[in-house]
Amino acid sequence: MSSPTELLDDDQALIADAIHDLCLGFDDDYWSRCDREHEFPWDFYARMAEGGWLGLAIPEEYGGGGRGITDAAVMLHEIAASGAGMNGCSAIHLTVFGLNPVVKFGNDRLKDAFLPRAAAGDLHVAFGVTEPDAGTDTGRISTRAEPDGNGGWRITGRKIWTSKALESEVVLLIARTGPPESGLRGLSLFLADLDPDYVDIRAIPKLGRNAVASCEVAYDGLPVESWRLIGAENEGFKLLLHGLNPERVLLSSEACGIGEVALDRAVAYAKERIVFDRPIGANQAISHPLAHAHAQLRAAWMMALHAGRRYDAGLECGEAANTAKYLAAEASFYAADRAVQTLGGMGYATEYHVERYWREARLQRIAPVTQEMTLNYLAQTVLGLPRSY
């Protein structure tokens, strides 16, 4: 179920077509094997790097394409919809847009050292924010960066759900530089090396998206030079906030792609599967939920594009980005769940792949923020309702 061309401008349509063609070389069996064997999709990553796609949103002066969040969303949507799902998107997501804080707020040395390598596909980046005892309550982060006496820092603490830590050379790492009581106002953001002499990385066993590991990472006095600080000291949370809306847009596009490929598989099966001498798709108990999924996915994708375009135009987009995230997560899971139901017992079988889409779609309702916290944002910020926490 490809996106209507009228939703995209000419350049975006070309991006979608090019990514579609590239992804033809990586079928469901490839992604199923990567997921089953917990194998990073190196071949896919290399093809994306060769095509220059990893630098799509990095400024041209650093070897990138200089494109906006909407173009990146179109690319990731097409990858997810090819059957790659989150395994494909997560392999490149942080390279494509994870370095946005460096682009926006980094010093020249940081930009010169890392952005050209990221654009070339030569640099893998992880993102270290979540902690075991903090989670959504970012103000309770306890990983600490202490001055080393020479202008640099030593970082000690523990993070969880750090995707791509096993493959990555560097990590966007948020740590406390202010006093414990400073909350969100005492956090700083660094681009630090994942030096094995000071860092211990362990993969977290999980339900799905196993081609890209999510990790627990322990930092034991990790040395970080002064120029690796992004922006100003104690303003790291502000920098994170700047990147939350683009992240919502990208993940919305990925969720829509997963829902669409799940729906495609279900529709094809409903047309071909004959029970009681007719295709099961003739039964409204089958066809109506699939039509409902189609409508939900269309609406979510349009909202994701709307939010991306507002961001690219420099307009306020918090409401649109969070709405897109909520709608896309719900639509993706509904479509994947109905796909499993349409295939019945075969929906539970790995050979039809929809169970993999279901596992990845379920993640959208949890990460990077739960649906409940998204509704909290809309209730408090948009509707002006009082805060409950």
Protein backbone atom coordinates (compact mmCIF):
# COMPACT_ATOMS: atom_id res chain seq x y z
CA MET A 1 0.00 0.00 0.00
CA SER A 2 2.25 2.78 -1.24
CA SER A 3 1.60 6.34 -0.15
CA PRO A 4 -0.49 8.55 -2.47
CA THR A 5 1.87 10.57 -4.63
CA GLU A 6 -0.14 13.73 -4.03
CA LEU A 7 1.06 13.73 -0.41
CA LEU A 8 4.68 14.15 -1.52
CA ASP A 9 6.48 16.81 -3.52
CA ASP A 10 8.51 15.80 -6.58
CA ASP A 11 11.79 15.38 -4.69
CA GLN A 12 10.14 13.31 -1.97
CA ALA A 13 8.50 11.07 -4.57
CA LEU A 14 11.94 10.48 -6.10
CA ILE A 15 13.35 9.64 -2.66
CA ALA A 16 10.52 7.18 -2.05
CA ASP A 17 11.03 5.51 -5.44
CA ALA A 18 14.80 5.22 -4.98
CA ILE A 19 14.51 3.72 -1.50
CA HIS A 20 11.78 1.36 -2.70
CA ASP A 21 14.11 0.08 -5.43
CA LEU A 22 17.04 -0.29 -3.03
CA CYS A 23 14.93 -2.24 -0.54
CA LEU A 24 13.90 -4.76 -3.21
CA GLY A 25 17.29 -6.36 -2.61
CA PHE A 26 16.38 -7.11 1.01
CA ASP A 27 13.29 -9.28 1.29
CA ASP A 28 11.30 -10.53 4.26
CA ASP A 29 13.52 -13.58 4.61
CA TYR A 30 16.60 -11.36 4.98
CA TRP A 31 15.00 -9.35 7.77
CA SER A 32 13.56 -12.42 9.43
CA ARG A 33 17.00 -14.02 9.49
CA CYS A 34 18.62 -10.87 10.93
CA ASP A 35 15.96 -10.74 13.62
CA ARG A 36 16.14 -14.45 14.43
CA GLU A 37 19.94 -14.56 14.59
CA HIS A 38 20.34 -11.17 16.31
CA GLU A 39 22.53 -10.08 13.40
CA PHE A 40 23.01 -6.41 12.56
CA PRO A 41 21.98 -5.79 8.91
CA TRP A 42 25.44 -4.85 7.68
CA ASP A 43 24.66 -5.45 3.99
CA PHE A 44 21.66 -3.15 4.12
CA TYR A 45 23.59 -0.49 6.04
CA ALA A 46 26.41 -0.64 3.46
CA ARG A 47 23.98 -0.19 0.56
CA MET A 48 22.40 2.80 2.25
CA ALA A 49 25.84 4.30 2.86
CA GLU A 50 26.95 3.70 -0.73
CA GLY A 51 23.87 5.53 -1.97
CA GLY A 52 24.61 8.53 0.26
CA TRP A 53 21.34 8.11 2.11
CA LEU A 54 22.78 8.11 5.62
CA GLY A 55 23.75 11.76 5.25
CA LEU A 56 20.36 12.85 3.93
CA ALA A 57 19.68 15.27 6.82
CA ILE A 58 23.30 16.32 7.48
CA PRO A 59 24.27 19.77 6.09
CA GLU A 60 25.87 19.80 2.65
CA GLU A 61 29.06 21.47 3.91
CA TYR A 62 29.77 18.28 5.88
CA GLY A 63 29.11 15.94 2.97
CA GLY A 64 25.39 15.41 3.60
CA GLY A 65 22.29 16.01 1.57
CA GLY A 66 21.07 19.01 3.53
CA ARG A 67 17.49 17.78 3.45
CA GLY A 68 14.84 18.25 6.12
CA ILE A 69 12.99 16.06 8.58
CA THR A 70 10.13 15.46 6.16
CA ASP A 71 12.44 13.99 3.54
CA ALA A 72 14.04 11.77 6.18
CA ALA A 73 10.56 10.66 7.26
CA VAL A 74 9.69 9.70 3.68
CA MET A 75 12.87 7.62 3.46
CA LEU A 76 12.33 5.79 6.76
CA HIS A 77 8.66 5.23 5.95
CA GLU A 78 9.61 3.50 2.73
CA ILE A 79 12.20 1.33 4.50
CA ALA A 80 9.69 0.21 7.13
CA ALA A 81 7.01 -0.45 4.50
CA SER A 82 9.38 -2.69 2.53
CA GLY A 83 9.22 -5.28 5.29
CA ALA A 84 12.39 -4.11 7.01
CA GLY A 85 10.35 -2.63 9.85
CA MET A 86 12.19 -1.38 12.88
CA ASN A 87 15.17 -3.64 12.23
CA GLY A 88 15.93 -1.67 9.08
CA CYS A 89 15.01 1.77 10.40
CA SER A 90 16.84 1.40 13.71
CA ALA A 91 20.01 0.40 11.89
CA ILE A 92 20.24 3.87 10.34
CA HIS A 93 17.86 6.09 12.34
CA LEU A 94 20.47 7.60 14.67
CA THR A 95 22.95 8.17 11.86
CA VAL A 96 20.32 9.94 9.76
CA PHE A 97 19.03 12.29 12.43
CA GLY A 98 20.51 11.37 15.81
CA LEU A 99 23.32 13.87 15.41
CA ASN A 100 20.88 16.74 15.05
CA PRO A 101 21.99 18.23 18.41
CA VAL A 102 25.54 18.39 17.04
CA VAL A 103 24.30 20.03 13.83
CA LYS A 104 22.25 22.60 15.77
CA PHE A 105 24.40 23.25 18.83
CA GLY A 106 27.81 21.62 18.42
CA ASN A 107 31.07 23.54 18.18
CA ASP A 108 33.02 23.57 14.93
CA ARG A 109 35.48 20.95 16.11
CA LEU A 110 32.66 18.52 16.89
CA LYS A 111 31.02 19.12 13.54
CA ASP A 112 34.23 18.78 11.58
CA ALA A 113 35.25 15.61 13.41
CA PHE A 114 32.02 13.64 13.22
CA LEU A 115 29.47 14.94 10.72
CA PRO A 116 31.45 14.04 7.54
CA ARG A 117 32.04 10.53 8.89
CA ALA A 118 28.37 10.11 9.72
CA ALA A 119 27.34 11.32 6.26
CA ALA A 120 29.70 8.78 4.69
CA GLY A 121 28.31 5.97 6.83
CA ASP A 122 31.62 5.56 8.62
CA LEU A 123 30.31 6.45 12.08
CA HIS A 124 27.76 4.55 14.15
CA VAL A 125 26.04 6.55 16.88
CA ALA A 126 24.14 5.43 19.98
CA PHE A 127 21.89 7.48 22.25
CA GLY A 128 22.24 7.22 26.03
CA VAL A 129 19.43 8.85 28.00
CA THR A 130 17.22 6.31 29.79
CA GLU A 131 18.29 4.97 33.20
CA PRO A 132 16.99 2.10 35.33
CA ASP A 133 15.78 4.38 38.13
CA ALA A 134 14.70 7.36 36.02
CA GLY A 135 12.87 6.18 32.89
CA THR A 136 10.36 8.82 31.81
CA ASP A 137 11.30 10.97 34.82
CA THR A 138 14.38 12.47 33.15
CA GLY A 139 14.94 14.90 36.02
CA ARG A 140 16.07 11.97 38.17
CA ILE A 141 19.00 11.02 35.94
CA SER A 142 21.94 10.14 38.19
CA THR A 143 24.73 9.34 35.71
CA ARG A 144 27.27 11.99 36.65
CA ALA A 145 29.96 13.96 34.80
CA GLU A 146 32.63 15.25 37.16
CA PRO A 147 35.36 17.74 36.16
CA ASP A 148 38.70 15.96 35.72
CA GLY A 149 40.82 18.98 36.69
CA ASN A 150 42.10 19.49 33.14
CA GLY A 151 39.01 21.03 31.57
CA GLY A 152 37.44 17.69 30.68
CA TRP A 153 35.10 15.28 32.42
CA ARG A 154 34.82 11.81 33.89
CA ILE A 155 31.43 10.15 33.50
CA THR A 156 30.13 7.41 35.78
CA GLY A 157 26.70 5.80 35.81
CA ARG A 158 24.40 3.35 34.09
CA LYS A 159 22.03 3.61 31.12
CA ILE A 160 19.52 1.17 29.66
CA TRP A 161 17.82 0.78 26.27
CA THR A 162 20.82 2.27 24.48
CA SER A 163 20.22 1.06 20.92
CA LYS A 164 23.20 0.22 18.67
CA ALA A 165 25.70 0.47 21.54
CA LEU A 166 27.37 -2.76 20.40
CA GLU A 167 28.06 -1.38 16.92
CA SER A 168 28.65 2.28 17.80
CA GLU A 169 31.86 4.20 18.26
CA VAL A 170 30.28 7.20 19.98
CA VAL A 171 27.22 7.90 22.10
CA LEU A 172 25.11 11.00 22.61
CA LEU A 173 25.19 10.85 26.39
CA ILE A 174 23.28 12.97 28.87
CA ALA A 175 24.74 13.24 32.37
CA ARG A 176 24.30 15.33 35.49
CA THR A 177 26.75 18.22 35.85
CA GLY A 178 24.72 20.22 38.36
CA PRO A 179 23.86 19.28 41.97
CA PRO A 180 21.42 16.38 42.54
CA GLU A 181 18.59 18.75 43.37
CA SER A 182 19.00 20.66 40.08
CA GLY A 183 16.70 18.26 38.25
CA LEU A 184 16.33 18.97 34.54
CA ARG A 185 18.39 22.17 34.86
CA GLY A 186 21.57 20.32 35.82
CA LEU A 187 22.01 18.01 32.82
CA SER A 188 24.61 18.28 30.06
CA LEU A 189 24.88 16.54 26.70
CA PHE A 190 28.12 15.00 25.44
CA LEU A 191 29.27 13.13 22.35
CA ALA A 192 31.49 10.57 24.07
CA ASP A 193 33.52 7.61 22.90
CA LEU A 194 32.31 4.15 23.88
CA ASP A 195 35.80 3.25 25.11
CA PRO A 196 35.83 -0.43 26.19
CA ASP A 197 38.39 0.38 28.89
CA TYR A 198 35.72 2.39 30.73
CA VAL A 199 32.44 1.11 29.32
CA ASP A 200 30.68 -2.24 29.76
CA ILE A 201 27.92 -3.06 27.24
CA ARG A 202 25.39 -5.87 27.58
CA ALA A 203 22.49 -6.58 25.22
CA ILE A 204 19.03 -6.75 26.81
CA PRO A 205 17.03 -9.84 25.69
CA LYS A 206 13.75 -8.56 24.25
CA LEU A 207 10.59 -9.42 22.33
CA GLY A 208 11.49 -8.04 18.90
CA ARG A 209 13.66 -5.79 16.73
CA ASN A 210 16.51 -8.15 17.53
CA ALA A 211 18.74 -7.28 14.58
CA VAL A 212 19.56 -4.05 16.44
CA ALA A 213 20.36 -4.67 20.08
CA SER A 214 19.16 -2.49 22.92
CA CYS A 215 21.75 -2.42 25.64
CA GLU A 216 22.52 -1.76 29.25
CA VAL A 217 25.67 0.37 29.38
CA ALA A 218 27.78 0.98 32.49
CA TYR A 219 30.21 3.93 32.52
CA ASP A 220 33.11 3.80 34.97
CA GLY A 221 35.01 7.08 34.94
CA LEU A 222 34.79 7.48 31.16
CA PRO A 223 37.10 10.36 30.14
CA VAL A 224 35.46 12.99 27.92
CA GLU A 225 37.39 15.97 26.55
CA SER A 226 36.00 19.48 26.99
CA TRP A 227 35.22 19.97 23.29
CA ARG A 228 32.92 16.95 23.34
CA LEU A 229 30.32 18.94 25.32
CA ILE A 230 27.38 19.87 23.07
CA GLY A 231 26.08 23.37 23.71
CA ALA A 232 26.43 24.87 27.18
CA GLU A 233 26.94 23.10 30.48
CA ASN A 234 23.69 22.28 32.34
CA GLU A 235 21.55 22.94 29.24
CA GLY A 236 21.48 19.38 27.92
CA PHE A 237 17.78 18.87 28.55
CA LYS A 238 16.92 21.92 26.43
CA LEU A 239 18.92 20.39 23.59
CA LEU A 240 17.04 17.12 23.98
CA LEU A 241 13.72 18.94 23.86
CA HIS A 242 14.74 20.50 20.55
CA GLY A 243 15.18 17.01 19.11
CA LEU A 244 12.04 15.39 20.51
CA ASN A 245 9.63 16.68 17.87
CA PRO A 246 11.75 15.50 14.92
CA GLU A 247 12.13 12.13 16.64
CA ARG A 248 8.35 11.88 17.00
CA VAL A 249 7.95 12.60 13.27
CA LEU A 250 10.49 9.97 12.21
CA LEU A 251 9.09 7.28 14.47
CA SER A 252 5.57 8.09 13.29
CA SER A 253 6.67 7.52 9.72
CA GLU A 254 8.30 4.21 10.65
CA ALA A 255 5.19 3.06 12.51
CA CYS A 256 3.02 3.86 9.50
CA GLY A 257 5.35 1.85 7.28
CA ILE A 258 5.12 -1.20 9.53
CA GLY A 259 1.34 -0.96 9.61
CA GLU A 260 1.20 -0.65 5.83
CA VAL A 261 3.28 -3.74 5.09
CA ALA A 262 1.27 -5.73 7.62
CA LEU A 263 -1.94 -4.57 5.94
CA ASP A 264 -0.55 -5.44 2.50
CA ARG A 265 0.16 -9.00 3.61
CA ALA A 266 -3.28 -9.35 5.18
CA VAL A 267 -5.11 -8.04 2.12
CA ALA A 268 -3.20 -10.38 -0.19
CA TYR A 269 -4.01 -13.36 2.03
CA ALA A 270 -7.68 -12.35 2.32
CA LYS A 271 -7.95 -12.33 -1.47
CA GLU A 272 -6.29 -15.72 -1.94
CA ARG A 273 -7.50 -17.78 1.02
CA ILE A 274 -10.63 -19.74 0.09
CA VAL A 275 -12.93 -20.96 2.85
CA PHE A 276 -16.52 -22.17 2.24
CA ASP A 277 -15.95 -21.71 -1.49
CA ARG A 278 -15.12 -18.00 -1.41
CA PRO A 279 -12.21 -15.71 -0.48
CA ILE A 280 -12.28 -14.81 3.19
CA GLY A 281 -11.93 -11.15 2.19
CA ALA A 282 -15.58 -11.29 1.05
CA ASN A 283 -16.59 -11.52 4.70
CA GLN A 284 -17.12 -8.16 6.35
CA ALA A 285 -15.69 -9.53 9.59
CA ILE A 286 -12.41 -9.62 7.65
CA SER A 287 -12.79 -6.72 5.22
CA HIS A 288 -14.11 -4.04 7.57
CA PRO A 289 -11.22 -4.22 10.07
CA LEU A 290 -8.75 -4.08 7.18
CA ALA A 291 -10.53 -1.05 5.73
CA HIS A 292 -10.49 0.52 9.20
CA ALA A 293 -6.72 -0.09 9.41
CA HIS A 294 -6.26 1.52 6.00
CA ALA A 295 -8.14 4.65 7.08
CA GLN A 296 -6.19 4.94 10.33
CA LEU A 297 -2.84 4.56 8.59
CA ARG A 298 -3.71 7.17 5.95
CA ALA A 299 -4.68 9.70 8.63
CA ALA A 300 -1.57 9.03 10.72
CA TRP A 301 0.76 9.35 7.72
CA MET A 302 -0.82 12.64 6.68
CA MET A 303 -0.36 13.96 10.23
CA ALA A 304 3.28 12.84 10.27
CA LEU A 305 3.96 14.71 7.02
CA HIS A 306 2.13 17.76 8.36
CA ALA A 307 4.26 17.75 11.53
CA GLY A 308 7.47 17.31 9.55
CA ARG A 309 6.66 20.20 7.26
CA ARG A 310 5.89 22.46 10.20
CA TYR A 311 9.25 21.57 11.75
CA ASP A 312 11.12 22.18 8.50
CA ALA A 313 9.39 25.57 8.15
CA GLY A 314 10.49 26.60 11.64
CA LEU A 315 6.93 26.57 12.97
CA GLU A 316 5.73 25.25 16.33
CA CYS A 317 5.03 21.56 15.84
CA GLY A 318 4.71 20.01 19.29
CA GLU A 319 0.99 19.34 18.97
CA ALA A 320 1.31 17.94 15.45
CA ALA A 321 4.35 15.77 16.23
CA ASN A 322 2.82 14.26 19.35
CA THR A 323 -0.51 13.74 17.65
CA ALA A 324 1.25 12.00 14.78
CA LYS A 325 3.16 9.78 17.18
CA TYR A 326 0.00 8.77 19.02
CA LEU A 327 -2.07 8.11 15.89
CA ALA A 328 0.71 6.24 14.11
CA ALA A 329 1.44 3.94 17.05
CA GLU A 330 -2.24 3.07 17.41
CA ALA A 331 -2.75 2.59 13.67
CA SER A 332 0.38 0.49 13.26
CA PHE A 333 -0.50 -1.89 16.05
CA TYR A 334 -4.13 -2.18 14.97
CA ALA A 335 -3.09 -3.02 11.41
CA ALA A 336 -0.50 -5.58 12.52
CA ASP A 337 -2.90 -7.16 15.00
CA ARG A 338 -5.63 -7.45 12.37
CA ALA A 339 -3.10 -8.94 9.97
CA VAL A 340 -2.36 -11.71 12.47
CA GLN A 341 -6.10 -12.24 12.97
CA THR A 342 -6.76 -12.35 9.22
CA LEU A 343 -4.15 -15.05 8.69
CA GLY A 344 -5.40 -16.96 11.71
CA GLY A 345 -3.00 -19.70 12.74
CA MET A 346 -0.66 -18.82 9.88
CA GLY A 347 -0.42 -15.31 11.31
CA TYR A 348 1.35 -16.89 14.25
CA ALA A 349 3.80 -18.69 11.95
CA THR A 350 7.12 -17.03 11.24
CA GLU A 351 7.04 -17.94 7.53
CA TYR A 352 4.34 -15.32 6.87
CA HIS A 353 6.23 -12.57 8.72
CA VAL A 354 3.21 -10.75 10.13
CA GLU A 355 4.07 -11.93 13.64
CA ARG A 356 7.36 -10.02 13.25
CA TYR A 357 5.47 -6.90 12.17
CA TRP A 358 3.16 -7.34 15.17
CA ARG A 359 6.11 -7.49 17.59
CA GLU A 360 7.64 -4.37 16.10
CA ALA A 361 4.35 -2.49 15.96
CA ARG A 362 3.78 -3.21 19.65
CA LEU A 363 7.01 -1.37 20.44
CA GLN A 364 5.60 1.85 18.98
CA ARG A 365 3.15 2.16 21.87
CA ILE A 366 6.01 2.14 24.40
CA ALA A 367 9.04 3.82 22.86
CA PRO A 368 10.47 6.38 22.90
CA VAL A 369 7.57 7.58 25.03
CA THR A 370 4.41 5.78 26.07
CA GLN A 371 1.04 6.59 24.60
CA GLU A 372 -0.08 7.73 28.05
CA MET A 373 2.71 10.31 28.30
CA THR A 374 1.89 11.52 24.79
CA LEU A 375 -1.71 12.07 25.89
CA ASN A 376 -0.43 13.85 29.00
CA TYR A 377 1.44 16.29 26.75
CA LEU A 378 -1.63 16.98 24.64
CA ALA A 379 -3.90 17.30 27.66
CA GLN A 380 -1.64 19.71 29.53
CA THR A 381 0.04 21.68 26.74
CA VAL A 382 -2.73 21.86 24.15
CA LEU A 383 -5.91 21.59 26.22
CA GLY A 384 -4.58 23.39 29.27
CA LEU A 385 -5.65 20.70 31.73
CA PRO A 386 -3.87 20.38 35.10
CA ARG A 387 -0.91 18.07 35.49
CA SER A 388 -1.41 14.83 37.43
CA TYR A 389 2.22 14.07 38.26
